Protein backbone atom coordinates (compact mmCIF):
# COMPACT_ATOMS: atom_id res chain seq x y z
CA UNK A 1 125.04 85.75 116.23
CA UNK A 2 124.21 86.35 112.57
CA UNK A 3 126.46 88.02 109.91
CA UNK A 4 124.98 89.30 106.79
CA UNK A 5 126.71 90.43 103.90
CA UNK A 6 125.10 92.43 100.86
CA UNK A 7 126.34 92.80 97.41
CA UNK A 8 125.10 93.85 93.93
CA UNK A 9 124.33 97.40 94.45
CA UNK A 10 125.26 100.35 92.08
CA UNK A 11 124.00 102.75 89.46
CA UNK A 12 121.33 102.09 87.31
CA UNK A 13 119.46 104.08 84.67
CA UNK A 14 115.45 104.55 85.34
CA UNK A 15 113.54 101.58 83.92
CA UNK A 16 116.53 99.23 84.62
CA UNK A 17 117.22 96.14 86.77
CA UNK A 18 119.34 95.48 89.82
CA UNK A 19 119.89 92.03 91.69
CA UNK A 20 120.76 92.52 95.54
CA UNK A 21 122.00 89.46 97.14
CA UNK A 22 122.73 88.71 100.74
CA UNK A 23 124.73 85.73 102.28
CA UNK A 24 124.05 85.00 105.73
CA UNK A 25 126.27 82.95 108.28
CA UNK A 26 126.09 81.87 111.77
CA UNK A 27 123.20 80.72 113.91
CA UNK A 28 120.85 80.99 110.99
CA UNK A 29 118.12 79.11 113.00
CA UNK A 30 117.53 82.48 114.61
CA UNK A 31 116.32 83.89 111.50
CA UNK A 32 112.45 83.34 111.02
CA UNK A 33 112.13 86.08 108.34
CA UNK A 34 115.00 87.59 105.94
CA UNK A 35 114.30 90.71 104.08
CA UNK A 36 115.21 94.08 102.68
CA UNK A 37 114.80 97.44 104.10
CA UNK A 38 116.02 100.62 102.64
CA UNK A 39 116.76 104.14 103.76
CA UNK A 40 117.06 107.24 101.51
CA UNK A 41 118.72 110.28 102.41
CA UNK A 42 116.51 112.14 105.27
CA UNK A 43 113.91 109.49 105.68
CA UNK A 44 113.41 106.65 107.84
CA UNK A 45 114.46 103.06 107.15
CA UNK A 46 111.41 101.20 105.40
CA UNK A 47 110.58 97.99 104.59
CA UNK A 48 110.93 96.75 100.93
CA UNK A 49 110.22 92.88 101.30
CA UNK A 50 110.45 89.82 103.51
CA UNK A 51 110.42 86.54 103.02
CA UNK A 52 109.68 83.80 105.80
CA UNK A 53 111.47 80.33 105.86
CA UNK A 54 108.21 78.75 104.80
CA UNK A 55 108.57 80.97 101.76
CA UNK A 56 105.75 83.70 102.68
CA UNK A 57 106.46 86.91 100.98
CA UNK A 58 105.49 90.73 102.23
CA UNK A 59 106.15 93.56 99.91
CA UNK A 60 105.75 97.34 100.36
CA UNK A 61 102.93 98.57 98.23
CA UNK A 62 105.59 100.78 96.31
CA UNK A 63 107.54 97.92 95.00
CA UNK A 64 105.02 95.24 94.72
CA UNK A 65 105.02 93.99 90.88
CA UNK A 66 108.39 95.42 90.28
CA UNK A 67 110.61 93.46 92.82
CA UNK A 68 110.79 90.12 93.76
CA UNK A 69 112.38 88.39 96.91
CA UNK A 70 113.76 84.91 97.21
CA UNK A 71 115.39 82.92 99.92
CA UNK A 72 116.59 79.51 100.82
CA UNK A 73 116.23 79.11 104.53
CA UNK A 74 117.76 82.08 105.48
CA UNK A 75 121.35 81.42 104.03
CA UNK A 76 120.85 83.31 100.75
CA UNK A 77 118.20 85.83 100.05
CA UNK A 78 117.96 87.88 96.88
CA UNK A 79 115.99 91.27 95.70
CA UNK A 80 115.41 91.26 92.14
CA UNK A 81 114.63 94.78 91.17
CA UNK A 82 112.78 95.70 87.89
CA UNK A 83 111.52 98.65 86.41
CA UNK A 84 113.66 101.08 89.00
CA UNK A 85 112.68 104.48 89.26
CA UNK A 86 114.42 107.50 91.10
CA UNK A 87 112.47 107.18 94.05
CA UNK A 88 113.95 103.85 94.77
CA UNK A 89 117.37 105.42 95.35
CA UNK A 90 118.32 104.46 98.65
CA UNK A 91 120.57 102.35 100.79
CA UNK A 92 119.50 98.90 101.00
CA UNK A 93 120.07 96.83 104.08
CA UNK A 94 119.65 92.88 104.58
CA UNK A 95 118.04 91.72 107.73
CA UNK A 96 117.28 88.64 109.60
CA UNK A 97 114.66 88.67 112.27
CA UNK A 98 113.62 85.98 114.90
CA UNK A 99 109.92 85.40 115.57
CA UNK A 100 108.42 88.00 117.25
CA UNK A 101 111.45 90.32 116.22
CA UNK A 102 113.02 89.46 119.63
CA UNK A 103 116.65 89.44 117.72
CA UNK A 104 117.23 91.36 114.82
CA UNK A 105 120.47 91.87 112.50
CA UNK A 106 121.56 93.80 109.83
CA UNK A 107 124.06 93.89 107.16
CA UNK A 108 126.22 96.85 106.29
CA UNK A 109 124.05 98.30 103.37
CA UNK A 110 124.19 98.52 99.64
CA UNK A 111 123.93 101.75 97.81
CA UNK A 112 121.47 101.85 94.94
CA UNK A 113 121.10 104.89 92.66
CA UNK A 114 118.60 105.06 89.83
CA UNK A 115 119.63 108.05 87.82
CA UNK A 116 119.82 109.06 84.33
């Protein structure tokens, strides 16, 4: 089992920045990748960014160049979000996934609202 706790969400104006943090505990050896997904009202959950234990990153095209993911062997995973726009408003979920996605764990979610 893996437990994930997110922090750092909130309200920010367009063009602003926020940093999300995810603290993981438990059987961290399970986590081949950690990352962030988001779900806006009325939409499906979508990938934002992931990072492997080797440091290989993957970003959604909508956030590439604005968001930066970092991590330390699954224990702590952060998402630096710059130049935010209203379309980034969503609940952001931290995720830990095993190789091949056999196992997948989720945090409770953190609300990010971008509004003037």
